Amino acid sequence: MQEPTHILTGVIIQKTFQKIPSRRIALVTTAVVAFLSHGFLDNLARITFHPADPDFHGVFWVSYHTMVLVTTIVFLVLWWRYWWGIFFAALADVDWIFIHSQQIFNFQISFYREPHIHHLLGFIWSEVPPFSWATEQINRLPNYRHNPLACLWEVLLVSLMLIMVRWLKPLNTNQAGKSK
């Protein structure tokens, strides 16, 4: 999935677990569930427009990813107070920052040529029950990664998540991942 989906997932998870009386337990639970959510959403990405390789010459690809970038920035500005959930929901994408930076800026980090965090999540979601069962079910869905119209599935998901974010109560600042 694209970053706006991961951001909203982190917000929803943090808002959900903020009700736990113990701040420490709320933060740990948020971190674990948000981190694991990344693997689930990346598996689910098979039904969305999500080609593995960028197409900087394709008008649709560039337009779509420009909108994704703008939406990512807007979501970060709107919901930065949920940074704890957002950080852990998006943490695995640090892989792509390291890997693509090496390609773009022509340097090598010998220990970071593979998406290690994604491999860890892939192992969890493919080998560890009950996650492996969920992955088996998701893998039955059609693969539309190269179909531009499949971006509508992610737009629908983001729309539903926006409704959920609005529906959940605002963050109690005492339960935030930071102190004020």
N, C-alpha and C. Protein backbone atom coordinates (compact mmCIF):
# COMPACT_ATOMS: atom_id res chain seq x y z
N MET A 1 0.84 -1.18 0.00
CA MET A 1 0.00 0.00 0.00
C MET A 1 0.88 1.25 0.00
N GLN A 2 0.26 2.34 -0.33
CA GLN A 2 0.98 3.60 -0.36
C GLN A 2 1.05 4.20 1.06
N GLU A 3 1.92 5.17 1.23
CA GLU A 3 2.17 5.72 2.57
C GLU A 3 0.94 6.34 3.24
N PRO A 4 0.05 7.04 2.52
CA PRO A 4 -1.13 7.56 3.22
C PRO A 4 -1.94 6.47 3.93
N THR A 5 -2.00 5.28 3.35
CA THR A 5 -2.73 4.18 3.97
C THR A 5 -2.03 3.74 5.25
N HIS A 6 -0.72 3.65 5.22
CA HIS A 6 0.04 3.29 6.43
C HIS A 6 -0.12 4.38 7.50
N ILE A 7 -0.11 5.63 7.10
CA ILE A 7 -0.27 6.73 8.06
C ILE A 7 -1.62 6.64 8.75
N LEU A 8 -2.68 6.48 7.98
CA LEU A 8 -4.01 6.39 8.57
C LEU A 8 -4.14 5.16 9.47
N THR A 9 -3.50 4.07 9.08
CA THR A 9 -3.52 2.87 9.91
C THR A 9 -2.87 3.15 11.26
N GLY A 10 -1.74 3.83 11.25
CA GLY A 10 -1.07 4.19 12.50
C GLY A 10 -1.92 5.08 13.37
N VAL A 11 -2.62 6.03 12.75
CA VAL A 11 -3.50 6.93 13.50
C VAL A 11 -4.64 6.14 14.13
N ILE A 12 -5.28 5.28 13.34
CA ILE A 12 -6.40 4.49 13.84
C ILE A 12 -5.96 3.58 14.99
N ILE A 13 -4.82 2.94 14.82
CA ILE A 13 -4.32 2.04 15.87
C ILE A 13 -4.02 2.81 17.15
N GLN A 14 -3.35 3.95 17.03
CA GLN A 14 -3.02 4.72 18.24
C GLN A 14 -4.29 5.24 18.90
N LYS A 15 -5.24 5.71 18.09
CA LYS A 15 -6.50 6.20 18.67
C LYS A 15 -7.25 5.07 19.37
N THR A 16 -7.17 3.87 18.82
CA THR A 16 -7.86 2.72 19.40
C THR A 16 -7.26 2.33 20.74
N PHE A 17 -5.93 2.27 20.82
CA PHE A 17 -5.28 1.80 22.04
C PHE A 17 -5.03 2.90 23.07
N GLN A 18 -5.35 4.13 22.75
CA GLN A 18 -5.16 5.22 23.72
C GLN A 18 -6.05 5.05 24.94
N LYS A 19 -7.07 4.21 24.81
CA LYS A 19 -8.00 3.99 25.93
C LYS A 19 -7.43 3.08 27.00
N ILE A 20 -6.33 2.40 26.71
CA ILE A 20 -5.70 1.53 27.71
C ILE A 20 -5.20 2.41 28.86
N PRO A 21 -5.56 2.08 30.10
CA PRO A 21 -5.19 2.94 31.24
C PRO A 21 -3.68 3.12 31.41
N SER A 22 -2.91 2.08 31.19
CA SER A 22 -1.46 2.19 31.33
C SER A 22 -0.86 2.77 30.05
N ARG A 23 -0.23 3.94 30.19
CA ARG A 23 0.38 4.58 29.02
C ARG A 23 1.44 3.68 28.38
N ARG A 24 2.25 3.04 29.21
CA ARG A 24 3.31 2.17 28.70
C ARG A 24 2.72 1.02 27.87
N ILE A 25 1.70 0.38 28.39
CA ILE A 25 1.07 -0.74 27.66
C ILE A 25 0.41 -0.22 26.38
N ALA A 26 -0.21 0.95 26.46
CA ALA A 26 -0.84 1.54 25.27
C ALA A 26 0.20 1.79 24.18
N LEU A 27 1.35 2.32 24.56
CA LEU A 27 2.39 2.63 23.57
C LEU A 27 3.02 1.37 22.99
N VAL A 28 3.29 0.38 23.84
CA VAL A 28 3.87 -0.88 23.34
C VAL A 28 2.89 -1.59 22.42
N THR A 29 1.63 -1.65 22.82
CA THR A 29 0.61 -2.30 22.00
C THR A 29 0.46 -1.58 20.66
N THR A 30 0.42 -0.26 20.71
CA THR A 30 0.34 0.52 19.48
C THR A 30 1.53 0.22 18.57
N ALA A 31 2.72 0.20 19.13
CA ALA A 31 3.93 -0.04 18.33
C ALA A 31 3.89 -1.41 17.66
N VAL A 32 3.54 -2.43 18.41
CA VAL A 32 3.55 -3.80 17.87
C VAL A 32 2.48 -3.97 16.80
N VAL A 33 1.27 -3.54 17.10
CA VAL A 33 0.17 -3.70 16.14
C VAL A 33 0.40 -2.85 14.90
N ALA A 34 0.88 -1.63 15.08
CA ALA A 34 1.15 -0.76 13.93
C ALA A 34 2.25 -1.36 13.05
N PHE A 35 3.30 -1.88 13.67
CA PHE A 35 4.38 -2.50 12.90
C PHE A 35 3.86 -3.69 12.11
N LEU A 36 3.09 -4.56 12.75
CA LEU A 36 2.54 -5.73 12.08
C LEU A 36 1.54 -5.35 10.99
N SER A 37 0.86 -4.23 11.17
CA SER A 37 -0.12 -3.80 10.17
C SER A 37 0.53 -3.55 8.81
N HIS A 38 1.78 -3.16 8.83
CA HIS A 38 2.48 -2.87 7.58
C HIS A 38 2.54 -4.12 6.69
N GLY A 39 2.84 -5.25 7.31
CA GLY A 39 2.91 -6.49 6.55
C GLY A 39 1.56 -6.88 5.98
N PHE A 40 0.51 -6.69 6.77
CA PHE A 40 -0.85 -6.99 6.30
C PHE A 40 -1.20 -6.12 5.10
N LEU A 41 -0.98 -4.81 5.23
CA LEU A 41 -1.32 -3.90 4.14
C LEU A 41 -0.48 -4.15 2.90
N ASP A 42 0.79 -4.49 3.07
CA ASP A 42 1.62 -4.78 1.91
C ASP A 42 1.16 -6.06 1.21
N ASN A 43 0.65 -7.03 1.96
CA ASN A 43 0.07 -8.21 1.32
C ASN A 43 -1.20 -7.83 0.57
N LEU A 44 -2.01 -7.00 1.17
CA LEU A 44 -3.27 -6.57 0.57
C LEU A 44 -3.04 -5.70 -0.67
N ALA A 45 -1.85 -5.15 -0.80
CA ALA A 45 -1.54 -4.27 -1.93
C ALA A 45 -1.67 -4.98 -3.28
N ARG A 46 -1.77 -6.29 -3.28
CA ARG A 46 -1.92 -7.02 -4.54
C ARG A 46 -3.17 -6.62 -5.29
N ILE A 47 -4.19 -6.09 -4.59
CA ILE A 47 -5.42 -5.69 -5.27
C ILE A 47 -5.39 -4.23 -5.71
N THR A 48 -4.30 -3.52 -5.41
CA THR A 48 -4.20 -2.10 -5.76
C THR A 48 -3.14 -1.89 -6.83
N PHE A 49 -3.15 -0.70 -7.42
CA PHE A 49 -2.11 -0.33 -8.39
C PHE A 49 -0.81 -0.11 -7.63
N HIS A 50 0.10 -1.04 -7.79
CA HIS A 50 1.34 -0.99 -7.00
C HIS A 50 2.45 -1.73 -7.74
N PRO A 51 2.83 -1.24 -8.94
CA PRO A 51 3.90 -1.92 -9.67
C PRO A 51 5.22 -1.86 -8.91
N ALA A 52 6.00 -2.92 -9.04
CA ALA A 52 7.27 -3.01 -8.30
C ALA A 52 8.28 -1.96 -8.76
N ASP A 53 8.28 -1.67 -10.04
CA ASP A 53 9.27 -0.74 -10.59
C ASP A 53 8.62 0.58 -10.97
N PRO A 54 9.27 1.69 -10.63
CA PRO A 54 8.71 3.00 -10.99
C PRO A 54 8.72 3.21 -12.51
N ASP A 55 7.74 3.98 -12.98
CA ASP A 55 7.64 4.30 -14.40
C ASP A 55 7.61 5.83 -14.53
N PHE A 56 8.78 6.44 -14.44
CA PHE A 56 8.87 7.89 -14.46
C PHE A 56 8.47 8.50 -15.79
N HIS A 57 8.27 7.68 -16.80
CA HIS A 57 7.85 8.17 -18.12
C HIS A 57 6.35 7.99 -18.33
N GLY A 58 5.69 7.28 -17.44
CA GLY A 58 4.25 7.06 -17.56
C GLY A 58 3.48 8.20 -16.91
N VAL A 59 2.59 8.82 -17.68
CA VAL A 59 1.83 9.96 -17.18
C VAL A 59 0.98 9.57 -15.98
N PHE A 60 0.29 8.43 -16.05
CA PHE A 60 -0.55 8.02 -14.93
C PHE A 60 0.29 7.73 -13.70
N TRP A 61 1.38 6.99 -13.86
CA TRP A 61 2.22 6.63 -12.72
C TRP A 61 2.73 7.89 -12.01
N VAL A 62 3.24 8.83 -12.79
CA VAL A 62 3.79 10.07 -12.21
C VAL A 62 2.69 10.88 -11.55
N SER A 63 1.55 11.02 -12.21
CA SER A 63 0.43 11.79 -11.63
C SER A 63 -0.06 11.15 -10.34
N TYR A 64 -0.25 9.85 -10.37
CA TYR A 64 -0.75 9.14 -9.20
C TYR A 64 0.21 9.26 -8.02
N HIS A 65 1.49 9.07 -8.29
CA HIS A 65 2.47 9.13 -7.19
C HIS A 65 2.72 10.56 -6.72
N THR A 66 2.47 11.53 -7.57
CA THR A 66 2.52 12.93 -7.12
C THR A 66 1.39 13.19 -6.14
N MET A 67 0.20 12.68 -6.46
CA MET A 67 -0.94 12.82 -5.54
C MET A 67 -0.68 12.05 -4.25
N VAL A 68 -0.05 10.89 -4.33
CA VAL A 68 0.28 10.12 -3.13
C VAL A 68 1.25 10.92 -2.25
N LEU A 69 2.25 11.53 -2.86
CA LEU A 69 3.21 12.34 -2.11
C LEU A 69 2.53 13.52 -1.42
N VAL A 70 1.70 14.24 -2.15
CA VAL A 70 1.00 15.38 -1.57
C VAL A 70 0.09 14.92 -0.43
N THR A 71 -0.64 13.82 -0.65
CA THR A 71 -1.53 13.29 0.38
C THR A 71 -0.73 12.86 1.62
N THR A 72 0.43 12.25 1.40
CA THR A 72 1.29 11.85 2.51
C THR A 72 1.67 13.07 3.36
N ILE A 73 2.08 14.13 2.72
CA ILE A 73 2.48 15.35 3.44
C ILE A 73 1.29 15.94 4.19
N VAL A 74 0.14 16.00 3.53
CA VAL A 74 -1.06 16.55 4.18
C VAL A 74 -1.45 15.71 5.40
N PHE A 75 -1.43 14.38 5.25
CA PHE A 75 -1.79 13.50 6.37
C PHE A 75 -0.81 13.65 7.52
N LEU A 76 0.48 13.76 7.21
CA LEU A 76 1.46 13.95 8.29
C LEU A 76 1.23 15.25 9.03
N VAL A 77 0.90 16.30 8.31
CA VAL A 77 0.63 17.59 8.95
C VAL A 77 -0.64 17.50 9.81
N LEU A 78 -1.69 16.90 9.26
CA LEU A 78 -2.96 16.81 9.98
C LEU A 78 -2.88 15.94 11.24
N TRP A 79 -2.15 14.84 11.16
CA TRP A 79 -2.18 13.87 12.25
C TRP A 79 -0.83 13.62 12.89
N TRP A 80 0.03 14.62 12.86
CA TRP A 80 1.36 14.43 13.44
C TRP A 80 1.30 14.09 14.93
N ARG A 81 0.27 14.51 15.61
CA ARG A 81 0.18 14.23 17.05
C ARG A 81 0.08 12.73 17.31
N TYR A 82 -0.20 11.94 16.28
CA TYR A 82 -0.23 10.47 16.39
C TYR A 82 1.06 9.87 15.84
N TRP A 83 2.15 10.60 16.00
CA TRP A 83 3.42 10.22 15.39
C TRP A 83 3.88 8.83 15.83
N TRP A 84 3.54 8.42 17.03
CA TRP A 84 3.98 7.12 17.53
C TRP A 84 3.40 6.00 16.66
N GLY A 85 2.10 6.02 16.45
CA GLY A 85 1.45 5.01 15.62
C GLY A 85 1.90 5.11 14.17
N ILE A 86 2.02 6.34 13.67
CA ILE A 86 2.46 6.55 12.29
C ILE A 86 3.87 6.00 12.10
N PHE A 87 4.77 6.30 13.04
CA PHE A 87 6.16 5.85 12.92
C PHE A 87 6.22 4.33 12.78
N PHE A 88 5.54 3.60 13.65
CA PHE A 88 5.63 2.15 13.60
C PHE A 88 4.86 1.55 12.43
N ALA A 89 3.79 2.20 11.99
CA ALA A 89 3.05 1.71 10.83
C ALA A 89 3.85 1.89 9.55
N ALA A 90 4.69 2.90 9.51
CA ALA A 90 5.47 3.20 8.31
C ALA A 90 6.93 2.75 8.41
N LEU A 91 7.34 2.24 9.56
CA LEU A 91 8.76 1.91 9.81
C LEU A 91 9.38 1.03 8.72
N ALA A 92 8.65 0.05 8.24
CA ALA A 92 9.23 -0.88 7.26
C ALA A 92 9.66 -0.16 5.99
N ASP A 93 9.06 0.97 5.68
CA ASP A 93 9.43 1.67 4.45
C ASP A 93 10.79 2.36 4.54
N VAL A 94 11.42 2.32 5.71
CA VAL A 94 12.81 2.75 5.83
C VAL A 94 13.68 1.91 4.87
N ASP A 95 13.28 0.65 4.68
CA ASP A 95 13.98 -0.21 3.72
C ASP A 95 14.16 0.50 2.38
N TRP A 96 13.07 1.04 1.87
CA TRP A 96 13.10 1.63 0.52
C TRP A 96 13.90 2.92 0.51
N ILE A 97 13.91 3.64 1.63
CA ILE A 97 14.73 4.85 1.69
C ILE A 97 16.21 4.49 1.51
N PHE A 98 16.66 3.47 2.26
CA PHE A 98 18.05 3.04 2.14
C PHE A 98 18.35 2.48 0.75
N ILE A 99 17.51 1.61 0.26
CA ILE A 99 17.77 0.93 -1.01
C ILE A 99 17.71 1.91 -2.18
N HIS A 100 16.66 2.73 -2.25
CA HIS A 100 16.54 3.66 -3.38
C HIS A 100 17.55 4.79 -3.30
N SER A 101 17.92 5.21 -2.10
CA SER A 101 18.95 6.25 -1.97
C SER A 101 20.28 5.77 -2.54
N GLN A 102 20.59 4.51 -2.33
CA GLN A 102 21.83 3.95 -2.89
C GLN A 102 21.80 3.99 -4.41
N GLN A 103 20.66 3.68 -4.99
CA GLN A 103 20.53 3.68 -6.45
C GLN A 103 20.57 5.10 -7.00
N ILE A 104 19.85 6.01 -6.36
CA ILE A 104 19.74 7.38 -6.86
C ILE A 104 21.07 8.12 -6.72
N PHE A 105 21.74 7.99 -5.57
CA PHE A 105 22.95 8.75 -5.30
C PHE A 105 24.23 7.96 -5.55
N ASN A 106 24.08 6.76 -6.10
CA ASN A 106 25.21 5.95 -6.54
C ASN A 106 26.25 5.71 -5.43
N PHE A 107 25.78 5.16 -4.31
CA PHE A 107 26.69 4.71 -3.25
C PHE A 107 26.17 3.38 -2.74
N GLN A 108 27.00 2.68 -1.98
CA GLN A 108 26.63 1.35 -1.50
C GLN A 108 26.74 1.26 0.02
N ILE A 109 25.72 0.68 0.61
CA ILE A 109 25.76 0.30 2.03
C ILE A 109 25.75 -1.22 2.01
N SER A 110 26.87 -1.82 2.32
CA SER A 110 27.03 -3.26 2.11
C SER A 110 25.99 -4.11 2.84
N PHE A 111 25.56 -3.68 4.01
CA PHE A 111 24.61 -4.49 4.77
C PHE A 111 23.16 -4.15 4.46
N TYR A 112 22.92 -3.16 3.57
CA TYR A 112 21.53 -2.77 3.31
C TYR A 112 21.22 -2.73 1.82
N ARG A 113 21.30 -3.88 1.19
CA ARG A 113 20.92 -3.99 -0.22
C ARG A 113 19.59 -4.72 -0.39
N GLU A 114 19.11 -5.28 0.69
CA GLU A 114 17.84 -6.02 0.71
C GLU A 114 16.88 -5.33 1.68
N PRO A 115 15.58 -5.44 1.44
CA PRO A 115 14.60 -4.83 2.37
C PRO A 115 14.42 -5.70 3.62
N HIS A 116 15.34 -5.56 4.56
CA HIS A 116 15.39 -6.43 5.75
C HIS A 116 14.10 -6.39 6.58
N ILE A 117 13.57 -5.20 6.80
CA ILE A 117 12.36 -5.11 7.63
C ILE A 117 11.19 -5.75 6.91
N HIS A 118 11.09 -5.54 5.60
CA HIS A 118 10.02 -6.19 4.82
C HIS A 118 10.18 -7.71 4.83
N HIS A 119 11.42 -8.18 4.78
CA HIS A 119 11.64 -9.63 4.85
C HIS A 119 11.18 -10.18 6.21
N LEU A 120 11.45 -9.45 7.29
CA LEU A 120 10.99 -9.87 8.61
C LEU A 120 9.46 -9.93 8.64
N LEU A 121 8.81 -8.88 8.15
CA LEU A 121 7.35 -8.89 8.12
C LEU A 121 6.82 -9.99 7.20
N GLY A 122 7.51 -10.21 6.08
CA GLY A 122 7.12 -11.29 5.18
C GLY A 122 7.19 -12.65 5.86
N PHE A 123 8.25 -12.85 6.65
CA PHE A 123 8.38 -14.10 7.39
C PHE A 123 7.23 -14.26 8.38
N ILE A 124 6.97 -13.20 9.14
CA ILE A 124 5.89 -13.26 10.15
C ILE A 124 4.56 -13.57 9.47
N TRP A 125 4.26 -12.84 8.40
CA TRP A 125 2.95 -12.99 7.76
C TRP A 125 2.83 -14.26 6.92
N SER A 126 3.94 -14.90 6.59
CA SER A 126 3.83 -16.13 5.79
C SER A 126 4.08 -17.40 6.61
N GLU A 127 4.76 -17.28 7.76
CA GLU A 127 5.15 -18.47 8.50
C GLU A 127 4.55 -18.60 9.90
N VAL A 128 4.14 -17.50 10.50
CA VAL A 128 3.71 -17.53 11.90
C VAL A 128 2.18 -17.51 11.97
N PRO A 129 1.58 -18.57 12.53
CA PRO A 129 0.13 -18.54 12.70
C PRO A 129 -0.23 -17.50 13.76
N PRO A 130 -1.33 -16.82 13.70
CA PRO A 130 -2.41 -16.87 12.72
C PRO A 130 -2.17 -15.98 11.50
N PHE A 131 -1.04 -15.27 11.50
CA PHE A 131 -0.75 -14.37 10.38
C PHE A 131 -0.66 -15.13 9.05
N SER A 132 -0.06 -16.31 9.09
CA SER A 132 0.08 -17.09 7.86
C SER A 132 -1.28 -17.49 7.29
N TRP A 133 -2.25 -17.74 8.15
CA TRP A 133 -3.59 -18.06 7.67
C TRP A 133 -4.19 -16.86 6.95
N ALA A 134 -4.03 -15.67 7.53
CA ALA A 134 -4.55 -14.46 6.91
C ALA A 134 -3.90 -14.24 5.54
N THR A 135 -2.60 -14.49 5.46
CA THR A 135 -1.89 -14.32 4.19
C THR A 135 -2.42 -15.29 3.14
N GLU A 136 -2.69 -16.52 3.54
CA GLU A 136 -3.27 -17.49 2.60
C GLU A 136 -4.58 -16.97 2.02
N GLN A 137 -5.39 -16.35 2.86
CA GLN A 137 -6.67 -15.82 2.39
C GLN A 137 -6.46 -14.62 1.46
N ILE A 138 -5.55 -13.74 1.83
CA ILE A 138 -5.26 -12.56 1.00
C ILE A 138 -4.72 -13.00 -0.35
N ASN A 139 -3.89 -14.03 -0.37
CA ASN A 139 -3.29 -14.49 -1.63
C ASN A 139 -4.32 -15.06 -2.60
N ARG A 140 -5.53 -15.28 -2.14
CA ARG A 140 -6.61 -15.73 -3.03
C ARG A 140 -7.21 -14.57 -3.82
N LEU A 141 -6.91 -13.36 -3.38
CA LEU A 141 -7.42 -12.19 -4.08
C LEU A 141 -6.69 -12.02 -5.41
N PRO A 142 -7.33 -11.39 -6.38
CA PRO A 142 -6.66 -11.17 -7.68
C PRO A 142 -5.50 -10.20 -7.54
N ASN A 143 -4.54 -10.32 -8.43
CA ASN A 143 -3.38 -9.45 -8.45
C ASN A 143 -3.58 -8.37 -9.53
N TYR A 144 -3.84 -7.15 -9.07
CA TYR A 144 -4.08 -6.02 -9.97
C TYR A 144 -2.95 -4.98 -9.90
N ARG A 145 -1.78 -5.38 -9.43
CA ARG A 145 -0.68 -4.43 -9.20
C ARG A 145 -0.34 -3.56 -10.42
N HIS A 146 -0.59 -4.06 -11.61
CA HIS A 146 -0.21 -3.31 -12.81
C HIS A 146 -1.41 -2.69 -13.51
N ASN A 147 -2.56 -2.72 -12.87
CA ASN A 147 -3.77 -2.14 -13.44
C ASN A 147 -4.01 -0.76 -12.82
N PRO A 148 -3.86 0.31 -13.59
CA PRO A 148 -4.02 1.65 -13.01
C PRO A 148 -5.38 1.88 -12.34
N LEU A 149 -6.43 1.26 -12.85
CA LEU A 149 -7.75 1.43 -12.24
C LEU A 149 -7.82 0.83 -10.84
N ALA A 150 -6.91 -0.06 -10.53
CA ALA A 150 -6.90 -0.69 -9.20
C ALA A 150 -6.54 0.30 -8.10
N CYS A 151 -6.06 1.47 -8.48
CA CYS A 151 -5.79 2.50 -7.46
C CYS A 151 -7.09 2.88 -6.75
N LEU A 152 -8.23 2.63 -7.40
CA LEU A 152 -9.51 2.95 -6.79
C LEU A 152 -9.78 2.13 -5.54
N TRP A 153 -9.22 0.90 -5.47
CA TRP A 153 -9.38 0.10 -4.26
C TRP A 153 -8.70 0.78 -3.07
N GLU A 154 -7.52 1.33 -3.33
CA GLU A 154 -6.83 2.02 -2.23
C GLU A 154 -7.52 3.33 -1.88
N VAL A 155 -8.04 4.02 -2.88
CA VAL A 155 -8.80 5.25 -2.61
C VAL A 155 -10.02 4.92 -1.75
N LEU A 156 -10.69 3.82 -2.06
CA LEU A 156 -11.84 3.39 -1.24
C LEU A 156 -11.40 3.07 0.19
N LEU A 157 -10.31 2.33 0.33
CA LEU A 157 -9.81 1.99 1.66
C LEU A 157 -9.45 3.25 2.44
N VAL A 158 -8.75 4.18 1.82
CA VAL A 158 -8.38 5.44 2.48
C VAL A 158 -9.64 6.21 2.88
N SER A 159 -10.64 6.22 2.03
CA SER A 159 -11.90 6.91 2.36
C SER A 159 -12.55 6.30 3.59
N LEU A 160 -12.61 4.97 3.65
CA LEU A 160 -13.18 4.29 4.81
C LEU A 160 -12.36 4.56 6.07
N MET A 161 -11.04 4.60 5.90
CA MET A 161 -10.18 4.88 7.05
C MET A 161 -10.36 6.32 7.55
N LEU A 162 -10.58 7.25 6.63
CA LEU A 162 -10.84 8.63 7.04
C LEU A 162 -12.12 8.73 7.87
N ILE A 163 -13.12 7.96 7.49
CA ILE A 163 -14.35 7.91 8.28
C ILE A 163 -14.05 7.35 9.67
N MET A 164 -13.23 6.30 9.74
CA MET A 164 -12.87 5.72 11.04
C MET A 164 -12.10 6.71 11.90
N VAL A 165 -11.17 7.43 11.30
CA VAL A 165 -10.38 8.42 12.05
C VAL A 165 -11.31 9.47 12.64
N ARG A 166 -12.28 9.89 11.85
CA ARG A 166 -13.23 10.90 12.32
C ARG A 166 -14.12 10.34 13.43
N TRP A 167 -14.49 9.07 13.31
CA TRP A 167 -15.38 8.41 14.25
C TRP A 167 -14.72 8.18 15.61
N LEU A 168 -13.44 7.84 15.61
CA LEU A 168 -12.72 7.58 16.88
C LEU A 168 -12.50 8.89 17.62
N LYS A 169 -12.51 8.80 18.92
CA LYS A 169 -12.32 10.00 19.74
C LYS A 169 -10.91 10.55 19.55
N PRO A 170 -10.74 11.86 19.73
CA PRO A 170 -9.41 12.46 19.60
C PRO A 170 -8.44 11.93 20.65
N LEU A 171 -7.19 12.05 20.33
CA LEU A 171 -6.13 11.60 21.22
C LEU A 171 -6.13 12.42 22.50
N ASN A 172 -6.10 11.73 23.61
CA ASN A 172 -5.90 12.36 24.91
C ASN A 172 -4.41 12.66 25.00
N THR A 173 -4.04 13.90 25.19
CA THR A 173 -2.62 14.26 25.17
C THR A 173 -1.81 13.53 26.23
N ASN A 174 -2.44 13.01 27.28
CA ASN A 174 -1.71 12.23 28.27
C ASN A 174 -1.30 10.87 27.73
N GLN A 175 -1.97 10.40 26.67
CA GLN A 175 -1.67 9.11 26.09
C GLN A 175 -0.83 9.20 24.81
N ALA A 176 -0.46 10.40 24.43
CA ALA A 176 0.33 10.60 23.20
C ALA A 176 1.71 9.99 23.37
N GLY A 177 2.38 9.81 22.26
CA GLY A 177 3.73 9.28 22.30
C GLY A 177 4.74 10.32 22.72
N LYS A 178 4.28 11.47 23.15
CA LYS A 178 5.19 12.52 23.60
C LYS A 178 4.57 13.19 24.81
N SER A 179 5.35 13.90 25.54
CA SER A 179 4.81 14.63 26.68
C SER A 179 4.72 16.08 26.33
N LYS A 180 3.70 16.73 26.87
CA LYS A 180 3.53 18.16 26.59
C LYS A 180 3.72 18.93 27.86
